Amino acid sequence: KNAVTYAMCIEGKQRSSEELAQEFSDIAVGGRSAVNFIIGSSFGLSDTIKKMSNKKLSMSKMTFPHQLARVMLLEQIYRGYKINANEKYHK
């Protein structure tokens, strides 16, 4: 109940690393304690999953294997938290 769920889908909004970091900050300040990301298969996500998600996020208009998308998303999550901590990882 207290989680924010992102559906990773091509029709989602593309965000910069800084914008995603700001969303993480806003989620935390808003009292949410968890963030979930749902990555679909090469067939995408069902409409049911997209409708139940709080947000839709797209990494690119291109299609990536879900194994690669997981690594790319993980790096962006890490980068977002480093941005919010004012650490040197982010350029």
PDB file of N, CA and C in Angstrom:
ATOM      1  N   LYS A   1       0.812  -1.200   0.000  1.00  0.00           N
ATOM      2  CA  LYS A   1       0.000   0.000   0.000  1.00  0.00           C
ATOM      3  C   LYS A   1       0.849   1.256   0.000  1.00  0.00           C
ATOM      4  N   ASN A   2       1.991   1.210   0.650  1.00  0.00           N
ATOM      5  CA  ASN A   2       2.807   2.404   0.797  1.00  0.00           C
ATOM      6  C   ASN A   2       3.869   2.531  -0.291  1.00  0.00           C
ATOM      7  N   ALA A   3       3.772   1.711  -1.318  1.00  0.00           N
ATOM      8  CA  ALA A   3       4.780   1.721  -2.379  1.00  0.00           C
ATOM      9  C   ALA A   3       4.315   2.552  -3.568  1.00  0.00           C
ATOM     10  N   VAL A   4       5.278   3.074  -4.295  1.00  0.00           N
ATOM     11  CA  VAL A   4       5.030   3.691  -5.596  1.00  0.00           C
ATOM     12  C   VAL A   4       5.494   2.679  -6.626  1.00  0.00           C
ATOM     13  N   THR A   5       4.628   2.362  -7.573  1.00  0.00           N
ATOM     14  CA  THR A   5       4.949   1.358  -8.581  1.00  0.00           C
ATOM     15  C   THR A   5       5.103   2.014  -9.945  1.00  0.00           C
ATOM     16  N   TYR A   6       6.241   1.744 -10.566  1.00  0.00           N
ATOM     17  CA  TYR A   6       6.527   2.215 -11.920  1.00  0.00           C
ATOM     18  C   TYR A   6       6.352   1.050 -12.883  1.00  0.00           C
ATOM     19  N   ALA A   7       5.590   1.276 -13.940  1.00  0.00           N
ATOM     20  CA  ALA A   7       5.517   0.328 -15.047  1.00  0.00           C
ATOM     21  C   ALA A   7       6.540   0.793 -16.074  1.00  0.00           C
ATOM     22  N   MET A   8       7.478  -0.064 -16.385  1.00  0.00           N
ATOM     23  CA  MET A   8       8.484   0.263 -17.384  1.00  0.00           C
ATOM     24  C   MET A   8       7.910  -0.094 -18.753  1.00  0.00           C
ATOM     25  N   CYS A   9       7.511   0.933 -19.510  1.00  0.00           N
ATOM     26  CA  CYS A   9       6.857   0.682 -20.785  1.00  0.00           C
ATOM     27  C   CYS A   9       7.179   1.801 -21.774  1.00  0.00           C
ATOM     28  N   ILE A  10       7.114   1.472 -23.033  1.00  0.00           N
ATOM     29  CA  ILE A  10       7.527   2.409 -24.074  1.00  0.00           C
ATOM     30  C   ILE A  10       6.671   3.667 -24.102  1.00  0.00           C
ATOM     31  N   GLU A  11       5.407   3.561 -23.665  1.00  0.00           N
ATOM     32  CA  GLU A  11       4.562   4.751 -23.668  1.00  0.00           C
ATOM     33  C   GLU A  11       4.733   5.592 -22.407  1.00  0.00           C
ATOM     34  N   GLY A  12       5.619   5.146 -21.511  1.00  0.00           N
ATOM     35  CA  GLY A  12       5.905   5.912 -20.310  1.00  0.00           C
ATOM     36  C   GLY A  12       6.708   7.160 -20.621  1.00  0.00           C
ATOM     37  N   LYS A  13       6.827   8.011 -19.628  1.00  0.00           N
ATOM     38  CA  LYS A  13       7.564   9.266 -19.781  1.00  0.00           C
ATOM     39  C   LYS A  13       9.062   9.011 -19.624  1.00  0.00           C
ATOM     40  N   GLN A  14       9.845   9.598 -20.507  1.00  0.00           N
ATOM     41  CA  GLN A  14      11.294   9.539 -20.367  1.00  0.00           C
ATOM     42  C   GLN A  14      11.721  10.660 -19.434  1.00  0.00           C
ATOM     43  N   ARG A  15      12.671  10.355 -18.553  1.00  0.00           N
ATOM     44  CA  ARG A  15      13.157  11.337 -17.585  1.00  0.00           C
ATOM     45  C   ARG A  15      14.676  11.361 -17.608  1.00  0.00           C
ATOM     46  N   SER A  16      15.226  12.493 -17.275  1.00  0.00           N
ATOM     47  CA  SER A  16      16.681  12.581 -17.105  1.00  0.00           C
ATOM     48  C   SER A  16      17.034  11.964 -15.753  1.00  0.00           C
ATOM     49  N   SER A  17      18.300  11.734 -15.534  1.00  0.00           N
ATOM     50  CA  SER A  17      18.754  11.208 -14.239  1.00  0.00           C
ATOM     51  C   SER A  17      18.384  12.161 -13.113  1.00  0.00           C
ATOM     52  N   GLU A  18      18.521  13.449 -13.369  1.00  0.00           N
ATOM     53  CA  GLU A  18      18.182  14.445 -12.353  1.00  0.00           C
ATOM     54  C   GLU A  18      16.677  14.449 -12.053  1.00  0.00           C
ATOM     55  N   GLU A  19      15.861  14.300 -13.081  1.00  0.00           N
ATOM     56  CA  GLU A  19      14.404  14.264 -12.875  1.00  0.00           C
ATOM     57  C   GLU A  19      13.992  13.028 -12.087  1.00  0.00           C
ATOM     58  N   LEU A  20      14.610  11.888 -12.395  1.00  0.00           N
ATOM     59  CA  LEU A  20      14.298  10.667 -11.651  1.00  0.00           C
ATOM     60  C   LEU A  20      14.743  10.803 -10.195  1.00  0.00           C
ATOM     61  N   ALA A  21      15.899  11.395  -9.977  1.00  0.00           N
ATOM     62  CA  ALA A  21      16.373  11.630  -8.606  1.00  0.00           C
ATOM     63  C   ALA A  21      15.386  12.514  -7.848  1.00  0.00           C
ATOM     64  N   GLN A  22      14.862  13.530  -8.507  1.00  0.00           N
ATOM     65  CA  GLN A  22      13.883  14.412  -7.861  1.00  0.00           C
ATOM     66  C   GLN A  22      12.609  13.642  -7.518  1.00  0.00           C
ATOM     67  N   GLU A  23      12.191  12.744  -8.397  1.00  0.00           N
ATOM     68  CA  GLU A  23      11.009  11.921  -8.096  1.00  0.00           C
ATOM     69  C   GLU A  23      11.258  11.060  -6.862  1.00  0.00           C
ATOM     70  N   PHE A  24      12.444  10.463  -6.775  1.00  0.00           N
ATOM     71  CA  PHE A  24      12.770   9.654  -5.587  1.00  0.00           C
ATOM     72  C   PHE A  24      12.693  10.508  -4.330  1.00  0.00           C
ATOM     73  N   SER A  25      13.220  11.711  -4.409  1.00  0.00           N
ATOM     74  CA  SER A  25      13.179  12.619  -3.267  1.00  0.00           C
ATOM     75  C   SER A  25      11.730  12.963  -2.905  1.00  0.00           C
ATOM     76  N   ASP A  26      10.933  13.274  -3.909  1.00  0.00           N
ATOM     77  CA  ASP A  26       9.523  13.606  -3.678  1.00  0.00           C
ATOM     78  C   ASP A  26       8.760  12.438  -3.067  1.00  0.00           C
ATOM     79  N   ILE A  27       9.061  11.235  -3.513  1.00  0.00           N
ATOM     80  CA  ILE A  27       8.411  10.039  -2.970  1.00  0.00           C
ATOM     81  C   ILE A  27       8.748   9.894  -1.484  1.00  0.00           C
ATOM     82  N   ALA A  28      10.017  10.062  -1.156  1.00  0.00           N
ATOM     83  CA  ALA A  28      10.448   9.930   0.241  1.00  0.00           C
ATOM     84  C   ALA A  28       9.824  11.011   1.117  1.00  0.00           C
ATOM     85  N   VAL A  29       9.842  12.234   0.642  1.00  0.00           N
ATOM     86  CA  VAL A  29       9.268  13.344   1.403  1.00  0.00           C
ATOM     87  C   VAL A  29       7.764  13.152   1.576  1.00  0.00           C
ATOM     88  N   GLY A  30       7.145  12.523   0.578  1.00  0.00           N
ATOM     89  CA  GLY A  30       5.713  12.260   0.641  1.00  0.00           C
ATOM     90  C   GLY A  30       5.338  11.120   1.564  1.00  0.00           C
ATOM     91  N   GLY A  31       6.329  10.491   2.196  1.00  0.00           N
ATOM     92  CA  GLY A  31       6.059   9.451   3.174  1.00  0.00           C
ATOM     93  C   GLY A  31       5.948   8.049   2.614  1.00  0.00           C
ATOM     94  N   ARG A  32       6.277   7.878   1.355  1.00  0.00           N
ATOM     95  CA  ARG A  32       6.245   6.531   0.775  1.00  0.00           C
ATOM     96  C   ARG A  32       7.533   5.816   1.147  1.00  0.00           C
ATOM     97  N   SER A  33       7.429   4.519   1.437  1.00  0.00           N
ATOM     98  CA  SER A  33       8.601   3.803   1.944  1.00  0.00           C
ATOM     99  C   SER A  33       9.190   2.804   0.949  1.00  0.00           C
ATOM    100  N   ALA A  34       8.554   2.617  -0.195  1.00  0.00           N
ATOM    101  CA  ALA A  34       9.065   1.636  -1.152  1.00  0.00           C
ATOM    102  C   ALA A  34       8.768   2.100  -2.574  1.00  0.00           C
ATOM    103  N   VAL A  35       9.639   1.701  -3.490  1.00  0.00           N
ATOM    104  CA  VAL A  35       9.448   1.964  -4.910  1.00  0.00           C
ATOM    105  C   VAL A  35       9.607   0.632  -5.631  1.00  0.00           C
ATOM    106  N   ASN A  36       8.628   0.292  -6.464  1.00  0.00           N
ATOM    107  CA  ASN A  36       8.661  -0.941  -7.250  1.00  0.00           C
ATOM    108  C   ASN A  36       8.764  -0.587  -8.727  1.00  0.00           C
ATOM    109  N   PHE A  37       9.541  -1.388  -9.454  1.00  0.00           N
ATOM    110  CA  PHE A  37       9.651  -1.232 -10.900  1.00  0.00           C
ATOM    111  C   PHE A  37       9.242  -2.550 -11.531  1.00  0.00           C
ATOM    112  N   ILE A  38       8.347  -2.491 -12.516  1.00  0.00           N
ATOM    113  CA  ILE A  38       7.907  -3.696 -13.212  1.00  0.00           C
ATOM    114  C   ILE A  38       8.403  -3.608 -14.644  1.00  0.00           C
ATOM    115  N   ILE A  39       9.247  -4.573 -15.017  1.00  0.00           N
ATOM    116  CA  ILE A  39       9.797  -4.652 -16.367  1.00  0.00           C
ATOM    117  C   ILE A  39       9.137  -5.831 -17.053  1.00  0.00           C
ATOM    118  N   GLY A  40       8.580  -5.595 -18.219  1.00  0.00           N
ATOM    119  CA  GLY A  40       7.900  -6.654 -18.951  1.00  0.00           C
ATOM    120  C   GLY A  40       8.835  -7.460 -19.835  1.00  0.00           C
ATOM    121  N   SER A  41       8.253  -8.400 -20.503  1.00  0.00           N
ATOM    122  CA  SER A  41       8.984  -9.226 -21.461  1.00  0.00           C
ATOM    123  C   SER A  41       9.062  -8.480 -22.790  1.00  0.00           C
ATOM    124  N   SER A  42       9.507  -9.159 -23.823  1.00  0.00           N
ATOM    125  CA  SER A  42       9.571  -8.537 -25.146  1.00  0.00           C
ATOM    126  C   SER A  42       8.180  -8.212 -25.679  1.00  0.00           C
ATOM    127  N   PHE A  43       7.152  -8.779 -25.050  1.00  0.00           N
ATOM    128  CA  PHE A  43       5.768  -8.497 -25.440  1.00  0.00           C
ATOM    129  C   PHE A  43       5.199  -7.315 -24.660  1.00  0.00           C
ATOM    130  N   GLY A  44       5.984  -6.743 -23.764  1.00  0.00           N
ATOM    131  CA  GLY A  44       5.542  -5.596 -22.986  1.00  0.00           C
ATOM    132  C   GLY A  44       4.761  -6.016 -21.749  1.00  0.00           C
ATOM    133  N   LEU A  45       4.058  -5.047 -21.178  1.00  0.00           N
ATOM    134  CA  LEU A  45       3.247  -5.274 -19.975  1.00  0.00           C
ATOM    135  C   LEU A  45       1.775  -5.273 -20.349  1.00  0.00           C
ATOM    136  N   SER A  46       0.996  -5.985 -19.581  1.00  0.00           N
ATOM    137  CA  SER A  46      -0.448  -6.006 -19.822  1.00  0.00           C
ATOM    138  C   SER A  46      -1.050  -4.665 -19.426  1.00  0.00           C
ATOM    139  N   ASP A  47      -2.191  -4.355 -19.989  1.00  0.00           N
ATOM    140  CA  ASP A  47      -2.892  -3.121 -19.636  1.00  0.00           C
ATOM    141  C   ASP A  47      -3.253  -3.114 -18.154  1.00  0.00           C
ATOM    142  N   THR A  48      -3.535  -4.275 -17.596  1.00  0.00           N
ATOM    143  CA  THR A  48      -3.875  -4.377 -16.177  1.00  0.00           C
ATOM    144  C   THR A  48      -2.718  -3.896 -15.311  1.00  0.00           C
ATOM    145  N   ILE A  49      -1.512  -4.330 -15.627  1.00  0.00           N
ATOM    146  CA  ILE A  49      -0.328  -3.917 -14.873  1.00  0.00           C
ATOM    147  C   ILE A  49      -0.105  -2.420 -15.036  1.00  0.00           C
ATOM    148  N   LYS A  50      -0.244  -1.923 -16.252  1.00  0.00           N
ATOM    149  CA  LYS A  50      -0.031  -0.494 -16.493  1.00  0.00           C
ATOM    150  C   LYS A  50      -1.040   0.347 -15.714  1.00  0.00           C
ATOM    151  N   LYS A  51      -2.281  -0.099 -15.671  1.00  0.00           N
ATOM    152  CA  LYS A  51      -3.331   0.656 -14.963  1.00  0.00           C
ATOM    153  C   LYS A  51      -3.129   0.638 -13.453  1.00  0.00           C
ATOM    154  N   MET A  52      -2.600  -0.465 -12.913  1.00  0.00           N
ATOM    155  CA  MET A  52      -2.406  -0.543 -11.458  1.00  0.00           C
ATOM    156  C   MET A  52      -1.157   0.211 -10.993  1.00  0.00           C
ATOM    157  N   SER A  53      -0.294   0.581 -11.924  1.00  0.00           N
ATOM    158  CA  SER A  53       0.938   1.295 -11.587  1.00  0.00           C
ATOM    159  C   SER A  53       0.640   2.762 -11.335  1.00  0.00           C
ATOM    160  N   ASN A  54       1.416   3.360 -10.444  1.00  0.00           N
ATOM    161  CA  ASN A  54       1.275   4.786 -10.155  1.00  0.00           C
ATOM    162  C   ASN A  54       1.889   5.654 -11.238  1.00  0.00           C
ATOM    163  N   LYS A  55       2.961   5.137 -11.845  1.00  0.00           N
ATOM    164  CA  LYS A  55       3.690   5.915 -12.848  1.00  0.00           C
ATOM    165  C   LYS A  55       4.141   4.986 -13.963  1.00  0.00           C
ATOM    166  N   LYS A  56       4.320   5.581 -15.149  1.00  0.00           N
ATOM    167  CA  LYS A  56       4.874   4.849 -16.286  1.00  0.00           C
ATOM    168  C   LYS A  56       6.192   5.515 -16.659  1.00  0.00           C
ATOM    169  N   LEU A  57       7.220   4.713 -16.826  1.00  0.00           N
ATOM    170  CA  LEU A  57       8.562   5.218 -17.115  1.00  0.00           C
ATOM    171  C   LEU A  57       9.109   4.497 -18.335  1.00  0.00           C
ATOM    172  N   SER A  58       9.709   5.254 -19.236  1.00  0.00           N
ATOM    173  CA  SER A  58      10.349   4.679 -20.415  1.00  0.00           C
ATOM    174  C   SER A  58      11.825   5.038 -20.379  1.00  0.00           C
ATOM    175  N   MET A  59      12.666   4.061 -20.623  1.00  0.00           N
ATOM    176  CA  MET A  59      14.099   4.315 -20.680  1.00  0.00           C
ATOM    177  C   MET A  59      14.499   4.837 -22.052  1.00  0.00           C
ATOM    178  N   SER A  60      13.718   4.472 -23.053  1.00  0.00           N
ATOM    179  CA  SER A  60      14.052   4.837 -24.425  1.00  0.00           C
ATOM    180  C   SER A  60      12.903   4.395 -25.325  1.00  0.00           C
ATOM    181  N   LYS A  61      12.872   4.928 -26.524  1.00  0.00           N
ATOM    182  CA  LYS A  61      11.914   4.430 -27.510  1.00  0.00           C
ATOM    183  C   LYS A  61      12.396   3.113 -28.107  1.00  0.00           C
ATOM    184  N   MET A  62      13.652   2.800 -27.862  1.00  0.00           N
ATOM    185  CA  MET A  62      14.214   1.537 -28.343  1.00  0.00           C
ATOM    186  C   MET A  62      13.786   0.396 -27.424  1.00  0.00           C
ATOM    187  N   THR A  63      13.883  -0.820 -27.930  1.00  0.00           N
ATOM    188  CA  THR A  63      13.560  -2.011 -27.148  1.00  0.00           C
ATOM    189  C   THR A  63      14.855  -2.665 -26.686  1.00  0.00           C
ATOM    190  N   PHE A  64      14.900  -3.054 -25.406  1.00  0.00           N
ATOM    191  CA  PHE A  64      16.061  -3.723 -24.836  1.00  0.00           C
ATOM    192  C   PHE A  64      15.641  -5.057 -24.252  1.00  0.00           C
ATOM    193  N   PRO A  65      16.543  -6.043 -24.241  1.00  0.00           N
ATOM    194  CA  PRO A  65      16.238  -7.281 -23.524  1.00  0.00           C
ATOM    195  C   PRO A  65      16.017  -6.957 -22.052  1.00  0.00           C
ATOM    196  N   HIS A  66      15.079  -7.663 -21.404  1.00  0.00           N
ATOM    197  CA  HIS A  66      14.766  -7.297 -20.019  1.00  0.00           C
ATOM    198  C   HIS A  66      15.955  -7.470 -19.090  1.00  0.00           C
ATOM    199  N   GLN A  67      16.884  -8.381 -19.406  1.00  0.00           N
ATOM    200  CA  GLN A  67      18.078  -8.525 -18.568  1.00  0.00           C
ATOM    201  C   GLN A  67      18.930  -7.255 -18.626  1.00  0.00           C
ATOM    202  N   LEU A  68      19.064  -6.671 -19.804  1.00  0.00           N
ATOM    203  CA  LEU A  68      19.837  -5.440 -19.956  1.00  0.00           C
ATOM    204  C   LEU A  68      19.073  -4.275 -19.332  1.00  0.00           C
ATOM    205  N   ALA A  69      17.777  -4.235 -19.515  1.00  0.00           N
ATOM    206  CA  ALA A  69      16.963  -3.158 -18.928  1.00  0.00           C
ATOM    207  C   ALA A  69      17.101  -3.149 -17.407  1.00  0.00           C
ATOM    208  N   ARG A  70      17.177  -4.337 -16.794  1.00  0.00           N
ATOM    209  CA  ARG A  70      17.333  -4.408 -15.333  1.00  0.00           C
ATOM    210  C   ARG A  70      18.630  -3.747 -14.900  1.00  0.00           C
ATOM    211  N   VAL A  71      19.714  -4.017 -15.615  1.00  0.00           N
ATOM    212  CA  VAL A  71      21.016  -3.446 -15.257  1.00  0.00           C
ATOM    213  C   VAL A  71      20.999  -1.931 -15.477  1.00  0.00           C
ATOM    214  N   MET A  72      20.428  -1.496 -16.585  1.00  0.00           N
ATOM    215  CA  MET A  72      20.359  -0.069 -16.875  1.00  0.00           C
ATOM    216  C   MET A  72      19.500   0.655 -15.842  1.00  0.00           C
ATOM    217  N   LEU A  73      18.386   0.057 -15.473  1.00  0.00           N
ATOM    218  CA  LEU A  73      17.515   0.670 -14.471  1.00  0.00           C
ATOM    219  C   LEU A  73      18.199   0.724 -13.112  1.00  0.00           C
ATOM    220  N   LEU A  74      18.857  -0.357 -12.734  1.00  0.00           N
ATOM    221  CA  LEU A  74      19.565  -0.384 -11.455  1.00  0.00           C
ATOM    222  C   LEU A  74      20.619   0.720 -11.385  1.00  0.00           C
ATOM    223  N   GLU A  75      21.329   0.925 -12.488  1.00  0.00           N
ATOM    224  CA  GLU A  75      22.342   1.976 -12.514  1.00  0.00           C
ATOM    225  C   GLU A  75      21.685   3.349 -12.354  1.00  0.00           C
ATOM    226  N   GLN A  76      20.549   3.557 -12.966  1.00  0.00           N
ATOM    227  CA  GLN A  76      19.864   4.845 -12.853  1.00  0.00           C
ATOM    228  C   GLN A  76      19.311   5.070 -11.443  1.00  0.00           C
ATOM    229  N   ILE A  77      18.846   4.019 -10.813  1.00  0.00           N
ATOM    230  CA  ILE A  77      18.392   4.134  -9.422  1.00  0.00           C
ATOM    231  C   ILE A  77      19.572   4.522  -8.531  1.00  0.00           C
ATOM    232  N   TYR A  78      20.694   3.825  -8.706  1.00  0.00           N
ATOM    233  CA  TYR A  78      21.909   4.129  -7.945  1.00  0.00           C
ATOM    234  C   TYR A  78      22.330   5.581  -8.184  1.00  0.00           C
ATOM    235  N   ARG A  79      22.333   5.986  -9.455  1.00  0.00           N
ATOM    236  CA  ARG A  79      22.722   7.347  -9.818  1.00  0.00           C
ATOM    237  C   ARG A  79      21.781   8.360  -9.164  1.00  0.00           C
ATOM    238  N   GLY A  80      20.493   8.076  -9.170  1.00  0.00           N
ATOM    239  CA  GLY A  80      19.522   8.979  -8.558  1.00  0.00           C
ATOM    240  C   GLY A  80      19.774   9.196  -7.082  1.00  0.00           C
ATOM    241  N   TYR A  81      20.066   8.114  -6.381  1.00  0.00           N
ATOM    242  CA  TYR A  81      20.336   8.254  -4.947  1.00  0.00           C
ATOM    243  C   TYR A  81      21.668   8.964  -4.691  1.00  0.00           C
ATOM    244  N   LYS A  82      22.631   8.785  -5.569  1.00  0.00           N
ATOM    245  CA  LYS A  82      23.901   9.522  -5.439  1.00  0.00           C
ATOM    246  C   LYS A  82      23.692  11.013  -5.702  1.00  0.00           C
ATOM    247  N   ILE A  83      22.847  11.341  -6.673  1.00  0.00           N
ATOM    248  CA  ILE A  83      22.520  12.749  -6.943  1.00  0.00           C
ATOM    249  C   ILE A  83      21.891  13.359  -5.697  1.00  0.00           C
ATOM    250  N   ASN A  84      20.933  12.655  -5.111  1.00  0.00           N
ATOM    251  CA  ASN A  84      20.227  13.181  -3.937  1.00  0.00           C
ATOM    252  C   ASN A  84      21.134  13.299  -2.716  1.00  0.00           C
ATOM    253  N   ALA A  85      22.187  12.503  -2.678  1.00  0.00           N
ATOM    254  CA  ALA A  85      23.137  12.553  -1.556  1.00  0.00           C
ATOM    255  C   ALA A  85      24.277  13.545  -1.852  1.00  0.00           C
ATOM    256  N   ASN A  86      24.223  14.222  -2.988  1.00  0.00           N
ATOM    257  CA  ASN A  86      25.265  15.168  -3.394  1.00  0.00           C
ATOM    258  C   ASN A  86      26.640  14.515  -3.439  1.00  0.00           C
ATOM    259  N   GLU A  87      26.691  13.269  -3.890  1.00  0.00           N
ATOM    260  CA  GLU A  87      27.969  12.562  -3.992  1.00  0.00           C
ATOM    261  C   GLU A  87      28.523  12.701  -5.402  1.00  0.00           C
ATOM    262  N   LYS A  88      29.775  12.340  -5.584  1.00  0.00           N
ATOM    263  CA  LYS A  88      30.512  12.602  -6.807  1.00  0.00           C
ATOM    264  C   LYS A  88      30.228  11.623  -7.943  1.00  0.00           C
ATOM    265  N   TYR A  89      29.477  10.557  -7.706  1.00  0.00           N
ATOM    266  CA  TYR A  89      29.261   9.558  -8.770  1.00  0.00           C
ATOM    267  C   TYR A  89      28.666  10.181 -10.019  1.00  0.00           C
ATOM    268  N   HIS A  90      27.678  11.039  -9.845  1.00  0.00           N
ATOM    269  CA  HIS A  90      26.993  11.655 -10.983  1.00  0.00           C
ATOM    270  C   HIS A  90      27.851  12.775 -11.572  1.00  0.00           C
ATOM    271  N   LYS A  91      27.947  12.804 -12.875  1.00  0.00           N
ATOM    272  CA  LYS A  91      28.759  13.834 -13.542  1.00  0.00           C
ATOM    273  C   LYS A  91      27.922  15.049 -13.862  1.00  0.00           C
TER     274      LYS A  91
END
